[in-house]
Amino acid sequence: MLTKREFDKYCKNLFDVCEYPAVKYKIASDFLGENDSNSNVRELHENFLKSDIVEELYQMQNADGNWGRLFSKDYSAKDKFPTTMVALERCLYIGLKLDDRDILIAALDYLEEFLQGTNREKLYNKNERAVPWQMADIATMVERIKPYNSLCDRLWGEWFYIASQAFADGEYSYERDKSAQHEVLWTREKRLVPLPVTFLLGRRKDMPEKLENDMLHYFGGHAYENGYFWDKAPMRLPETFIGDKTRRWFHAIKYINQFRNSSEYLSETVEWLINNRNSDGLWDYGTQTKDPWGYFGYFSTNRNYKHNKVVDCTMEVLSVFDTYLKNNGEE
């Protein structure tokens, strides 16, 4: 069983062996919860803002706040960040805050223009579901950068209504979901926009606990049993941790882990992760196959591949543990 004391021990272990500024700052600030009023944390923060990966994001960001196309990868270009959304995932994952070198401020302005209808970039619009789907994804990212952004109030209210209708009797109903989407989004297709779970959970204090629990059992249970997109199902964990697709398991794990009471589906997964530490007490998933949309979870541009694999994997496991503890009240 994972406890906060054990988690802190795992964090300090990596903190002591890795010199990457982003690793040290994220562990101290996000995982261990140390305040920037601490002089040591302030120094870690300053080093982080001057680090190679923050500099890379800053230098490659365009003047209008993006890193190229918002969603769709340009396969004719070999961009460091295949889409703006990948770059933004990277910003948030490494621990950038809104006022850190103005990177996220510029990106937020760019995203807010879509919500205001003033961005000149055109969204994919080949079917009637496309724009509502993309707008939900944009709003999700905006809320992750700046929670309770007033520009997202209307969209959140609409999706909350749709989700409430879809789970009206505690069980998910495709027909009720379809009826609510047709009513709110003015769509008429049988195919639906997926409920934006992360967007809804971003304002969980405004959601009935029962609705989140119903969503956990439906969406979390499905991810547990069947995997999520191209990933394997956590209910069928491999015997060995090191494999060329190990990283892809984390997509399904993180999807379930965003719900409160995720331990109902992830307790065995967490034990599996704990038991798969290497001899140094860290995690290494070995060489990985290339992910289709670019991998954003690295913590240095350093070319020490063997060291980086261990650092990146350990940070991914620690991120899972951090969320797991917060959503399951473990001490």
C-alpha atoms as a PDB file:
ATOM      1  CA  MET A   1       0.000   0.000   0.000  1.00  0.00           C
ATOM      2  CA  LEU A   2       1.294   3.466  -0.932  1.00  0.00           C
ATOM      3  CA  THR A   3       1.589   5.957   1.915  1.00  0.00           C
ATOM      4  CA  LYS A   4       2.634   9.597   1.922  1.00  0.00           C
ATOM      5  CA  ARG A   5       5.749   8.674   3.906  1.00  0.00           C
ATOM      6  CA  GLU A   6       6.783   6.088   1.313  1.00  0.00           C
ATOM      7  CA  PHE A   7       6.052   8.526  -1.511  1.00  0.00           C
ATOM      8  CA  ASP A   8       8.224  11.221   0.086  1.00  0.00           C
ATOM      9  CA  LYS A   9      11.032   8.663   0.390  1.00  0.00           C
ATOM     10  CA  TYR A  10      10.811   7.811  -3.326  1.00  0.00           C
ATOM     11  CA  CYS A  11      10.852  11.530  -4.181  1.00  0.00           C
ATOM     12  CA  LYS A  12      13.895  12.301  -2.069  1.00  0.00           C
ATOM     13  CA  ASN A  13      15.712   9.332  -3.559  1.00  0.00           C
ATOM     14  CA  LEU A  14      15.462  10.783  -7.070  1.00  0.00           C
ATOM     15  CA  PHE A  15      16.100  14.325  -5.791  1.00  0.00           C
ATOM     16  CA  ASP A  16      19.440  13.169  -4.394  1.00  0.00           C
ATOM     17  CA  VAL A  17      20.669  11.421  -7.565  1.00  0.00           C
ATOM     18  CA  CYS A  18      19.390  13.710 -10.347  1.00  0.00           C
ATOM     19  CA  GLU A  19      20.812  17.188 -10.950  1.00  0.00           C
ATOM     20  CA  TYR A  20      18.293  18.344 -13.563  1.00  0.00           C
ATOM     21  CA  PRO A  21      16.779  21.663 -12.371  1.00  0.00           C
ATOM     22  CA  ALA A  22      13.251  20.761 -13.558  1.00  0.00           C
ATOM     23  CA  VAL A  23      13.334  17.495 -11.626  1.00  0.00           C
ATOM     24  CA  LYS A  24      14.506  19.088  -8.407  1.00  0.00           C
ATOM     25  CA  TYR A  25      12.003  21.944  -8.611  1.00  0.00           C
ATOM     26  CA  LYS A  26       9.022  19.743  -9.469  1.00  0.00           C
ATOM     27  CA  ILE A  27       9.827  17.318  -6.664  1.00  0.00           C
ATOM     28  CA  ALA A  28      10.258  20.083  -4.103  1.00  0.00           C
ATOM     29  CA  SER A  29       7.366  22.288  -5.206  1.00  0.00           C
ATOM     30  CA  ASP A  30       4.726  19.898  -6.576  1.00  0.00           C
ATOM     31  CA  PHE A  31       5.418  16.553  -4.920  1.00  0.00           C
ATOM     32  CA  LEU A  32       6.743  17.567  -1.503  1.00  0.00           C
ATOM     33  CA  GLY A  33       4.690  20.768  -1.358  1.00  0.00           C
ATOM     34  CA  GLU A  34       7.512  23.042  -0.246  1.00  0.00           C
ATOM     35  CA  ASN A  35       6.692  26.740  -0.520  1.00  0.00           C
ATOM     36  CA  ASP A  36       8.600  29.272  -2.645  1.00  0.00           C
ATOM     37  CA  SER A  37       9.101  31.319   0.528  1.00  0.00           C
ATOM     38  CA  ASN A  38      11.797  28.758   1.322  1.00  0.00           C
ATOM     39  CA  SER A  39      15.109  30.135   0.048  1.00  0.00           C
ATOM     40  CA  ASN A  40      16.201  26.707  -1.217  1.00  0.00           C
ATOM     41  CA  VAL A  41      12.995  26.340  -3.238  1.00  0.00           C
ATOM     42  CA  ARG A  42      13.395  29.865  -4.623  1.00  0.00           C
ATOM     43  CA  GLU A  43      16.862  28.941  -5.824  1.00  0.00           C
ATOM     44  CA  LEU A  44      15.522  25.729  -7.382  1.00  0.00           C
ATOM     45  CA  HIS A  45      12.833  27.778  -9.119  1.00  0.00           C
ATOM     46  CA  GLU A  46      15.357  30.236 -10.535  1.00  0.00           C
ATOM     47  CA  ASN A  47      17.519  27.384 -11.824  1.00  0.00           C
ATOM     48  CA  PHE A  48      14.448  25.747 -13.320  1.00  0.00           C
ATOM     49  CA  LEU A  49      13.491  28.906 -15.243  1.00  0.00           C
ATOM     50  CA  LYS A  50      17.010  29.041 -16.735  1.00  0.00           C
ATOM     51  CA  SER A  51      17.110  25.317 -17.542  1.00  0.00           C
ATOM     52  CA  ASP A  52      17.502  23.856 -21.005  1.00  0.00           C
ATOM     53  CA  ILE A  53      13.943  22.590 -21.368  1.00  0.00           C
ATOM     54  CA  VAL A  54      12.319  25.879 -20.324  1.00  0.00           C
ATOM     55  CA  GLU A  55      14.656  27.750 -22.645  1.00  0.00           C
ATOM     56  CA  GLU A  56      13.674  25.371 -25.444  1.00  0.00           C
ATOM     57  CA  LEU A  57       9.969  26.075 -24.919  1.00  0.00           C
ATOM     58  CA  TYR A  58      10.618  29.829 -24.743  1.00  0.00           C
ATOM     59  CA  GLN A  59      12.792  30.024 -27.854  1.00  0.00           C
ATOM     60  CA  MET A  60      10.525  27.847 -29.991  1.00  0.00           C
ATOM     61  CA  GLN A  61       7.258  29.577 -29.040  1.00  0.00           C
ATOM     62  CA  ASN A  62       5.901  31.823 -31.782  1.00  0.00           C
ATOM     63  CA  ALA A  63       5.083  35.481 -31.215  1.00  0.00           C
ATOM     64  CA  ASP A  64       1.342  34.722 -31.149  1.00  0.00           C
ATOM     65  CA  GLY A  65       1.774  32.245 -28.277  1.00  0.00           C
ATOM     66  CA  ASN A  66       1.643  28.920 -30.126  1.00  0.00           C
ATOM     67  CA  TRP A  67       4.146  26.324 -31.271  1.00  0.00           C
ATOM     68  CA  GLY A  68       2.663  25.743 -34.719  1.00  0.00           C
ATOM     69  CA  ARG A  69      -0.606  23.952 -35.373  1.00  0.00           C
ATOM     70  CA  LEU A  70      -2.960  23.616 -32.431  1.00  0.00           C
ATOM     71  CA  PHE A  71      -4.106  20.002 -32.874  1.00  0.00           C
ATOM     72  CA  SER A  72      -3.121  18.515 -36.223  1.00  0.00           C
ATOM     73  CA  LYS A  73       0.477  17.472 -36.776  1.00  0.00           C
ATOM     74  CA  ASP A  74       2.200  18.776 -39.892  1.00  0.00           C
ATOM     75  CA  TYR A  75       3.895  15.636 -41.180  1.00  0.00           C
ATOM     76  CA  SER A  76       5.931  17.629 -43.706  1.00  0.00           C
ATOM     77  CA  ALA A  77       7.766  19.434 -40.895  1.00  0.00           C
ATOM     78  CA  LYS A  78      10.103  17.921 -38.329  1.00  0.00           C
ATOM     79  CA  ASP A  79       9.050  20.143 -35.465  1.00  0.00           C
ATOM     80  CA  LYS A  80      10.361  19.655 -31.949  1.00  0.00           C
ATOM     81  CA  PHE A  81       6.777  20.016 -30.763  1.00  0.00           C
ATOM     82  CA  PRO A  82       4.429  18.327 -33.265  1.00  0.00           C
ATOM     83  CA  THR A  83       1.451  20.403 -32.079  1.00  0.00           C
ATOM     84  CA  THR A  84       0.819  23.307 -29.730  1.00  0.00           C
ATOM     85  CA  MET A  85      -1.178  21.001 -27.460  1.00  0.00           C
ATOM     86  CA  VAL A  86       1.863  18.737 -27.053  1.00  0.00           C
ATOM     87  CA  ALA A  87       3.999  21.751 -26.110  1.00  0.00           C
ATOM     88  CA  LEU A  88       1.387  22.870 -23.592  1.00  0.00           C
ATOM     89  CA  GLU A  89       1.225  19.400 -22.060  1.00  0.00           C
ATOM     90  CA  ARG A  90       4.975  19.679 -21.673  1.00  0.00           C
ATOM     91  CA  CYS A  91       4.746  23.097 -19.994  1.00  0.00           C
ATOM     92  CA  LEU A  92       2.275  21.855 -17.408  1.00  0.00           C
ATOM     93  CA  TYR A  93       3.950  18.504 -16.851  1.00  0.00           C
ATOM     94  CA  ILE A  94       7.349  19.986 -15.983  1.00  0.00           C
ATOM     95  CA  GLY A  95       5.720  22.451 -13.584  1.00  0.00           C
ATOM     96  CA  LEU A  96       5.622  25.789 -15.386  1.00  0.00           C
ATOM     97  CA  LYS A  97       3.296  28.306 -13.735  1.00  0.00           C
ATOM     98  CA  LEU A  98       1.339  31.097 -15.394  1.00  0.00           C
ATOM     99  CA  ASP A  99       3.866  33.867 -14.783  1.00  0.00           C
ATOM    100  CA  ASP A 100       7.031  31.828 -15.437  1.00  0.00           C
ATOM    101  CA  ARG A 101       8.832  33.690 -18.239  1.00  0.00           C
ATOM    102  CA  ASP A 102       5.414  34.620 -19.707  1.00  0.00           C
ATOM    103  CA  ILE A 103       5.327  31.381 -21.707  1.00  0.00           C
ATOM    104  CA  LEU A 104       1.906  30.316 -20.469  1.00  0.00           C
ATOM    105  CA  ILE A 105       0.574  33.878 -20.456  1.00  0.00           C
ATOM    106  CA  ALA A 106       1.198  34.129 -24.201  1.00  0.00           C
ATOM    107  CA  ALA A 107      -0.223  30.632 -24.764  1.00  0.00           C
ATOM    108  CA  LEU A 108      -3.306  31.455 -22.694  1.00  0.00           C
ATOM    109  CA  ASP A 109      -3.978  34.593 -24.748  1.00  0.00           C
ATOM    110  CA  TYR A 110      -3.739  32.467 -27.897  1.00  0.00           C
ATOM    111  CA  LEU A 111      -6.186  29.850 -26.579  1.00  0.00           C
ATOM    112  CA  GLU A 112      -8.617  32.413 -25.197  1.00  0.00           C
ATOM    113  CA  GLU A 113      -8.987  33.896 -28.669  1.00  0.00           C
ATOM    114  CA  PHE A 114     -10.655  30.647 -29.751  1.00  0.00           C
ATOM    115  CA  LEU A 115     -13.131  30.928 -26.888  1.00  0.00           C
ATOM    116  CA  GLN A 116     -13.792  34.549 -27.827  1.00  0.00           C
ATOM    117  CA  GLY A 117     -14.109  33.723 -31.529  1.00  0.00           C
ATOM    118  CA  THR A 118     -11.309  36.100 -32.529  1.00  0.00           C
ATOM    119  CA  ASN A 119      -8.474  33.696 -33.420  1.00  0.00           C
ATOM    120  CA  ARG A 120      -7.781  33.715 -37.158  1.00  0.00           C
ATOM    121  CA  GLU A 121      -6.701  30.062 -37.112  1.00  0.00           C
ATOM    122  CA  LYS A 122      -9.442  27.780 -38.412  1.00  0.00           C
ATOM    123  CA  LEU A 123     -10.467  24.675 -36.529  1.00  0.00           C
ATOM    124  CA  TYR A 124     -11.052  21.370 -38.279  1.00  0.00           C
ATOM    125  CA  ASN A 125     -14.699  21.468 -39.404  1.00  0.00           C
ATOM    126  CA  LYS A 126     -15.400  18.427 -41.587  1.00  0.00           C
ATOM    127  CA  ASN A 127     -18.376  17.238 -39.507  1.00  0.00           C
ATOM    128  CA  GLU A 128     -20.771  18.763 -36.995  1.00  0.00           C
ATOM    129  CA  ARG A 129     -19.006  17.202 -33.990  1.00  0.00           C
ATOM    130  CA  ALA A 130     -15.562  18.556 -34.842  1.00  0.00           C
ATOM    131  CA  VAL A 131     -15.790  22.131 -33.556  1.00  0.00           C
ATOM    132  CA  PRO A 132     -17.605  21.317 -30.251  1.00  0.00           C
ATOM    133  CA  TRP A 133     -15.042  18.573 -29.614  1.00  0.00           C
ATOM    134  CA  GLN A 134     -12.084  20.902 -30.242  1.00  0.00           C
ATOM    135  CA  MET A 135     -13.632  23.724 -28.229  1.00  0.00           C
ATOM    136  CA  ALA A 136     -14.016  21.364 -25.266  1.00  0.00           C
ATOM    137  CA  ASP A 137     -10.343  20.397 -25.584  1.00  0.00           C
ATOM    138  CA  ILE A 138      -9.316  24.059 -25.780  1.00  0.00           C
ATOM    139  CA  ALA A 139     -11.392  24.921 -22.723  1.00  0.00           C
ATOM    140  CA  THR A 140      -9.871  21.969 -20.859  1.00  0.00           C
ATOM    141  CA  MET A 141      -6.364  23.287 -21.499  1.00  0.00           C
ATOM    142  CA  VAL A 142      -7.362  26.859 -20.619  1.00  0.00           C
ATOM    143  CA  GLU A 143      -8.754  25.667 -17.276  1.00  0.00           C
ATOM    144  CA  ARG A 144      -5.610  23.669 -16.571  1.00  0.00           C
ATOM    145  CA  ILE A 145      -3.527  26.807 -17.121  1.00  0.00           C
ATOM    146  CA  LYS A 146      -5.906  29.149 -15.295  1.00  0.00           C
ATOM    147  CA  PRO A 147      -8.607  27.357 -13.264  1.00  0.00           C
ATOM    148  CA  TYR A 148     -12.126  28.790 -13.227  1.00  0.00           C
ATOM    149  CA  ASN A 149     -11.473  30.979 -16.233  1.00  0.00           C
ATOM    150  CA  SER A 150     -14.670  32.954 -16.833  1.00  0.00           C
ATOM    151  CA  LEU A 151     -14.438  32.321 -20.573  1.00  0.00           C
ATOM    152  CA  CYS A 152     -15.080  28.646 -19.846  1.00  0.00           C
ATOM    153  CA  ASP A 153     -18.145  29.152 -17.644  1.00  0.00           C
ATOM    154  CA  ARG A 154     -20.719  28.656 -20.392  1.00  0.00           C
ATOM    155  CA  LEU A 155     -18.997  25.623 -21.912  1.00  0.00           C
ATOM    156  CA  TRP A 156     -18.528  23.984 -18.530  1.00  0.00           C
ATOM    157  CA  GLY A 157     -22.191  24.544 -17.680  1.00  0.00           C
ATOM    158  CA  GLU A 158     -23.277  23.009 -20.976  1.00  0.00           C
ATOM    159  CA  TRP A 159     -21.115  19.925 -20.556  1.00  0.00           C
ATOM    160  CA  PHE A 160     -22.170  19.552 -16.937  1.00  0.00           C
ATOM    161  CA  TYR A 161     -25.783  19.506 -18.088  1.00  0.00           C
ATOM    162  CA  ILE A 162     -24.998  16.926 -20.778  1.00  0.00           C
ATOM    163  CA  ALA A 163     -23.103  14.706 -18.318  1.00  0.00           C
ATOM    164  CA  SER A 164     -25.886  15.018 -15.744  1.00  0.00           C
ATOM    165  CA  GLN A 165     -28.411  13.887 -18.332  1.00  0.00           C
ATOM    166  CA  ALA A 166     -26.202  11.038 -19.541  1.00  0.00           C
ATOM    167  CA  PHE A 167     -25.868   9.694 -15.975  1.00  0.00           C
ATOM    168  CA  ALA A 168     -29.325  10.715 -14.749  1.00  0.00           C
ATOM    169  CA  ASP A 169     -30.103   7.337 -13.164  1.00  0.00           C
ATOM    170  CA  GLY A 170     -26.526   6.504 -12.159  1.00  0.00           C
ATOM    171  CA  GLU A 171     -25.790   4.464 -15.278  1.00  0.00           C
ATOM    172  CA  TYR A 172     -24.462   5.905 -18.513  1.00  0.00           C
ATOM    173  CA  SER A 173     -27.081   6.157 -21.273  1.00  0.00           C
ATOM    174  CA  TYR A 174     -26.011   6.732 -24.840  1.00  0.00           C
ATOM    175  CA  GLU A 175     -29.551   7.801 -25.754  1.00  0.00           C
ATOM    176  CA  ARG A 176     -29.730  10.426 -23.001  1.00  0.00           C
ATOM    177  CA  ASP A 177     -26.235  11.630 -23.891  1.00  0.00           C
ATOM    178  CA  LYS A 178     -27.232  11.919 -27.554  1.00  0.00           C
ATOM    179  CA  SER A 179     -30.453  13.751 -26.737  1.00  0.00           C
ATOM    180  CA  ALA A 180     -28.640  16.261 -24.504  1.00  0.00           C
ATOM    181  CA  GLN A 181     -25.866  16.839 -27.070  1.00  0.00           C
ATOM    182  CA  HIS A 182     -28.433  17.394 -29.819  1.00  0.00           C
ATOM    183  CA  GLU A 183     -30.223  19.873 -27.565  1.00  0.00           C
ATOM    184  CA  VAL A 184     -27.157  21.830 -26.454  1.00  0.00           C
ATOM    185  CA  LEU A 185     -24.676  21.472 -29.323  1.00  0.00           C
ATOM    186  CA  TRP A 186     -27.252  21.479 -32.148  1.00  0.00           C
ATOM    187  CA  THR A 187     -25.767  18.283 -33.544  1.00  0.00           C
ATOM    188  CA  ARG A 188     -27.826  15.593 -35.244  1.00  0.00           C
ATOM    189  CA  GLU A 189     -25.390  12.738 -35.832  1.00  0.00           C
ATOM    190  CA  LYS A 190     -25.577   9.417 -34.020  1.00  0.00           C
ATOM    191  CA  ARG A 191     -21.881   9.690 -33.255  1.00  0.00           C
ATOM    192  CA  LEU A 192     -21.229  11.822 -30.181  1.00  0.00           C
ATOM    193  CA  VAL A 193     -18.560  14.135 -28.856  1.00  0.00           C
ATOM    194  CA  PRO A 194     -16.826  12.262 -25.989  1.00  0.00           C
ATOM    195  CA  LEU A 195     -17.728  13.743 -22.626  1.00  0.00           C
ATOM    196  CA  PRO A 196     -14.771  15.989 -21.647  1.00  0.00           C
ATOM    197  CA  VAL A 197     -14.027  14.257 -18.356  1.00  0.00           C
ATOM    198  CA  THR A 198     -10.888  16.254 -17.488  1.00  0.00           C
ATOM    199  CA  PHE A 199     -12.705  19.529 -18.182  1.00  0.00           C
ATOM    200  CA  LEU A 200     -15.576  18.567 -15.874  1.00  0.00           C
ATOM    201  CA  LEU A 201     -13.294  17.311 -13.096  1.00  0.00           C
ATOM    202  CA  GLY A 202     -11.357  20.577 -13.195  1.00  0.00           C
ATOM    203  CA  ARG A 203     -14.314  22.082 -11.318  1.00  0.00           C
ATOM    204  CA  ARG A 204     -15.116  19.041  -9.226  1.00  0.00           C
ATOM    205  CA  LYS A 205     -16.243  21.128  -6.260  1.00  0.00           C
ATOM    206  CA  ASP A 206     -19.158  22.239  -8.462  1.00  0.00           C
ATOM    207  CA  MET A 207     -20.055  18.634  -9.333  1.00  0.00           C
ATOM    208  CA  PRO A 208     -22.129  16.274  -7.180  1.00  0.00           C
ATOM    209  CA  GLU A 209     -19.858  13.585  -5.770  1.00  0.00           C
ATOM    210  CA  LYS A 210     -22.300  10.957  -7.034  1.00  0.00           C
ATOM    211  CA  LEU A 211     -21.867  12.106 -10.639  1.00  0.00           C
ATOM    212  CA  GLU A 212     -18.087  11.795 -10.402  1.00  0.00           C
ATOM    213  CA  ASN A 213     -18.463   8.357  -8.837  1.00  0.00           C
ATOM    214  CA  ASP A 214     -20.805   7.250 -11.627  1.00  0.00           C
ATOM    215  CA  MET A 215     -18.325   8.528 -14.202  1.00  0.00           C
ATOM    216  CA  LEU A 216     -15.497   6.682 -12.445  1.00  0.00           C
ATOM    217  CA  HIS A 217     -17.346   3.393 -12.663  1.00  0.00           C
ATOM    218  CA  TYR A 218     -18.223   3.881 -16.320  1.00  0.00           C
ATOM    219  CA  PHE A 219     -15.170   5.572 -17.838  1.00  0.00           C
ATOM    220  CA  GLY A 220     -12.594   4.409 -15.291  1.00  0.00           C
ATOM    221  CA  GLY A 221     -13.985   0.903 -15.306  1.00  0.00           C
ATOM    222  CA  HIS A 222     -13.876   0.777 -19.091  1.00  0.00           C
ATOM    223  CA  ALA A 223     -10.262   1.996 -19.167  1.00  0.00           C
ATOM    224  CA  TYR A 224      -9.359  -0.562 -16.484  1.00  0.00           C
ATOM    225  CA  GLU A 225     -10.883  -3.449 -18.414  1.00  0.00           C
ATOM    226  CA  ASN A 226     -10.125  -2.438 -22.006  1.00  0.00           C
ATOM    227  CA  GLY A 227      -7.352   0.117 -21.968  1.00  0.00           C
ATOM    228  CA  TYR A 228      -7.584   3.627 -23.346  1.00  0.00           C
ATOM    229  CA  PHE A 229      -7.022   4.358 -27.042  1.00  0.00           C
ATOM    230  CA  TRP A 230      -3.965   2.296 -28.071  1.00  0.00           C
ATOM    231  CA  ASP A 231      -3.038   1.316 -24.507  1.00  0.00           C
ATOM    232  CA  LYS A 232      -3.276  -1.962 -22.647  1.00  0.00           C
ATOM    233  CA  ALA A 233      -5.782  -2.580 -19.868  1.00  0.00           C
ATOM    234  CA  PRO A 234      -4.441  -2.109 -16.301  1.00  0.00           C
ATOM    235  CA  MET A 235      -6.402  -5.191 -15.219  1.00  0.00           C
ATOM    236  CA  ARG A 236      -3.963  -7.219 -17.346  1.00  0.00           C
ATOM    237  CA  LEU A 237      -0.602  -5.913 -16.194  1.00  0.00           C
ATOM    238  CA  PRO A 238       2.495  -7.562 -17.709  1.00  0.00           C
ATOM    239  CA  GLU A 239       4.736  -9.783 -15.646  1.00  0.00           C
ATOM    240  CA  THR A 240       7.757  -7.608 -16.403  1.00  0.00           C
ATOM    241  CA  PHE A 241       7.843  -3.827 -16.171  1.00  0.00           C
ATOM    242  CA  ILE A 242      10.519  -3.253 -18.799  1.00  0.00           C
ATOM    243  CA  GLY A 243       9.079  -3.473 -22.302  1.00  0.00           C
ATOM    244  CA  ASP A 244       9.045  -1.429 -25.490  1.00  0.00           C
ATOM    245  CA  LYS A 245       5.467  -0.232 -24.869  1.00  0.00           C
ATOM    246  CA  THR A 246       5.494   0.218 -21.085  1.00  0.00           C
ATOM    247  CA  ARG A 247       5.021   3.976 -21.336  1.00  0.00           C
ATOM    248  CA  ARG A 248       1.739   3.505 -23.176  1.00  0.00           C
ATOM    249  CA  TRP A 249       0.202   1.882 -20.119  1.00  0.00           C
ATOM    250  CA  PHE A 250       0.430   5.228 -18.376  1.00  0.00           C
ATOM    251  CA  HIS A 251      -2.211   6.785 -20.619  1.00  0.00           C
ATOM    252  CA  ALA A 252      -4.882   4.438 -19.263  1.00  0.00           C
ATOM    253  CA  ILE A 253      -3.530   4.662 -15.710  1.00  0.00           C
ATOM    254  CA  LYS A 254      -3.596   8.473 -15.728  1.00  0.00           C
ATOM    255  CA  TYR A 255      -7.077   8.542 -17.235  1.00  0.00           C
ATOM    256  CA  ILE A 256      -8.473   6.482 -14.341  1.00  0.00           C
ATOM    257  CA  ASN A 257      -6.295   8.265 -11.800  1.00  0.00           C
ATOM    258  CA  GLN A 258      -7.940  11.657 -12.366  1.00  0.00           C
ATOM    259  CA  PHE A 259     -11.069  10.490 -10.511  1.00  0.00           C
ATOM    260  CA  ARG A 260     -11.499  10.500  -6.755  1.00  0.00           C
ATOM    261  CA  ASN A 261     -11.525   6.955  -5.337  1.00  0.00           C
ATOM    262  CA  SER A 262      -9.426   5.735  -8.272  1.00  0.00           C
ATOM    263  CA  SER A 263      -7.887   3.148  -5.922  1.00  0.00           C
ATOM    264  CA  GLU A 264     -10.946   1.022  -6.654  1.00  0.00           C
ATOM    265  CA  TYR A 265      -9.337   0.275 -10.028  1.00  0.00           C
ATOM    266  CA  LEU A 266      -5.694   1.197  -9.505  1.00  0.00           C
ATOM    267  CA  SER A 267      -4.647  -0.315  -6.165  1.00  0.00           C
ATOM    268  CA  GLU A 268      -3.111  -3.356  -7.894  1.00  0.00           C
ATOM    269  CA  THR A 269      -1.452  -1.095 -10.479  1.00  0.00           C
ATOM    270  CA  VAL A 270       0.141   1.022  -7.753  1.00  0.00           C
ATOM    271  CA  GLU A 271       1.435  -2.109  -6.032  1.00  0.00           C
ATOM    272  CA  TRP A 272       2.804  -3.311  -9.375  1.00  0.00           C
ATOM    273  CA  LEU A 273       4.645   0.003  -9.805  1.00  0.00           C
ATOM    274  CA  ILE A 274       6.031  -0.098  -6.263  1.00  0.00           C
ATOM    275  CA  ASN A 275       7.298  -3.638  -6.773  1.00  0.00           C
ATOM    276  CA  ASN A 276       9.020  -2.744 -10.053  1.00  0.00           C
ATOM    277  CA  ARG A 277      11.611  -0.340  -8.699  1.00  0.00           C
ATOM    278  CA  ASN A 278      15.124  -1.157  -9.828  1.00  0.00           C
ATOM    279  CA  SER A 279      18.079  -1.870  -7.559  1.00  0.00           C
ATOM    280  CA  ASP A 280      18.560   1.891  -7.030  1.00  0.00           C
ATOM    281  CA  GLY A 281      14.961   2.358  -5.913  1.00  0.00           C
ATOM    282  CA  LEU A 282      14.036   4.116  -9.174  1.00  0.00           C
ATOM    283  CA  TRP A 283      12.017   3.094 -12.229  1.00  0.00           C
ATOM    284  CA  ASP A 284      13.214   2.291 -15.742  1.00  0.00           C
ATOM    285  CA  TYR A 285      10.831   1.172 -18.480  1.00  0.00           C
ATOM    286  CA  GLY A 286      13.674   0.663 -20.935  1.00  0.00           C
ATOM    287  CA  THR A 287      13.782   1.706 -24.582  1.00  0.00           C
ATOM    288  CA  GLN A 288      10.340   2.719 -25.843  1.00  0.00           C
ATOM    289  CA  THR A 289       8.599   2.668 -29.198  1.00  0.00           C
ATOM    290  CA  LYS A 290       7.851   6.107 -30.619  1.00  0.00           C
ATOM    291  CA  ASP A 291       4.489   7.518 -29.593  1.00  0.00           C
ATOM    292  CA  PRO A 292       2.377   8.836 -32.474  1.00  0.00           C
ATOM    293  CA  TRP A 293       1.961  12.423 -31.248  1.00  0.00           C
ATOM    294  CA  GLY A 294       5.327  13.093 -29.690  1.00  0.00           C
ATOM    295  CA  TYR A 295       6.449  12.490 -26.125  1.00  0.00           C
ATOM    296  CA  PHE A 296       6.299  15.486 -23.804  1.00  0.00           C
ATOM    297  CA  GLY A 297       7.473  13.939 -20.522  1.00  0.00           C
ATOM    298  CA  TYR A 298      11.228  14.463 -20.660  1.00  0.00           C
ATOM    299  CA  PHE A 299      13.070  16.620 -18.141  1.00  0.00           C
ATOM    300  CA  SER A 300      16.237  17.608 -19.964  1.00  0.00           C
ATOM    301  CA  THR A 301      17.592  17.987 -23.480  1.00  0.00           C
ATOM    302  CA  ASN A 302      20.753  16.263 -22.220  1.00  0.00           C
ATOM    303  CA  ARG A 303      21.872  13.377 -24.458  1.00  0.00           C
ATOM    304  CA  ASN A 304      22.551  10.946 -21.619  1.00  0.00           C
ATOM    305  CA  TYR A 305      19.870   8.535 -22.826  1.00  0.00           C
ATOM    306  CA  LYS A 306      20.349   5.853 -20.189  1.00  0.00           C
ATOM    307  CA  HIS A 307      20.126   8.348 -17.329  1.00  0.00           C
ATOM    308  CA  ASN A 308      17.233  10.198 -18.962  1.00  0.00           C
ATOM    309  CA  LYS A 309      15.174   7.032 -19.338  1.00  0.00           C
ATOM    310  CA  VAL A 310      15.409   6.388 -15.620  1.00  0.00           C
ATOM    311  CA  VAL A 311      14.677  10.025 -14.734  1.00  0.00           C
ATOM    312  CA  ASP A 312      11.707  10.325 -17.105  1.00  0.00           C
ATOM    313  CA  CYS A 313      10.208   7.010 -16.032  1.00  0.00           C
ATOM    314  CA  THR A 314      10.653   7.724 -12.325  1.00  0.00           C
ATOM    315  CA  MET A 315       9.072  11.158 -12.687  1.00  0.00           C
ATOM    316  CA  GLU A 316       6.127   9.625 -14.533  1.00  0.00           C
ATOM    317  CA  VAL A 317       5.609   7.069 -11.760  1.00  0.00           C
ATOM    318  CA  LEU A 318       5.935   9.754  -9.080  1.00  0.00           C
ATOM    319  CA  SER A 319       3.359  11.909 -10.906  1.00  0.00           C
ATOM    320  CA  VAL A 320       0.941   8.965 -10.849  1.00  0.00           C
ATOM    321  CA  PHE A 321       1.601   8.413  -7.139  1.00  0.00           C
ATOM    322  CA  ASP A 322       1.130  12.111  -6.332  1.00  0.00           C
ATOM    323  CA  THR A 323      -2.288  12.251  -8.011  1.00  0.00           C
ATOM    324  CA  TYR A 324      -3.274   8.880  -6.565  1.00  0.00           C
ATOM    325  CA  LEU A 325      -2.590  10.022  -2.999  1.00  0.00           C
ATOM    326  CA  LYS A 326      -4.490  13.281  -3.489  1.00  0.00           C
ATOM    327  CA  ASN A 327      -7.535  11.563  -4.991  1.00  0.00           C
ATOM    328  CA  ASN A 328      -7.694   8.730  -2.486  1.00  0.00           C
ATOM    329  CA  GLY A 329      -6.935  10.482   0.796  1.00  0.00           C
ATOM    330  CA  GLU A 330      -3.945   8.243   1.529  1.00  0.00           C
ATOM    331  CA  GLU A 331      -1.634   9.360   4.305  1.00  0.00           C
END
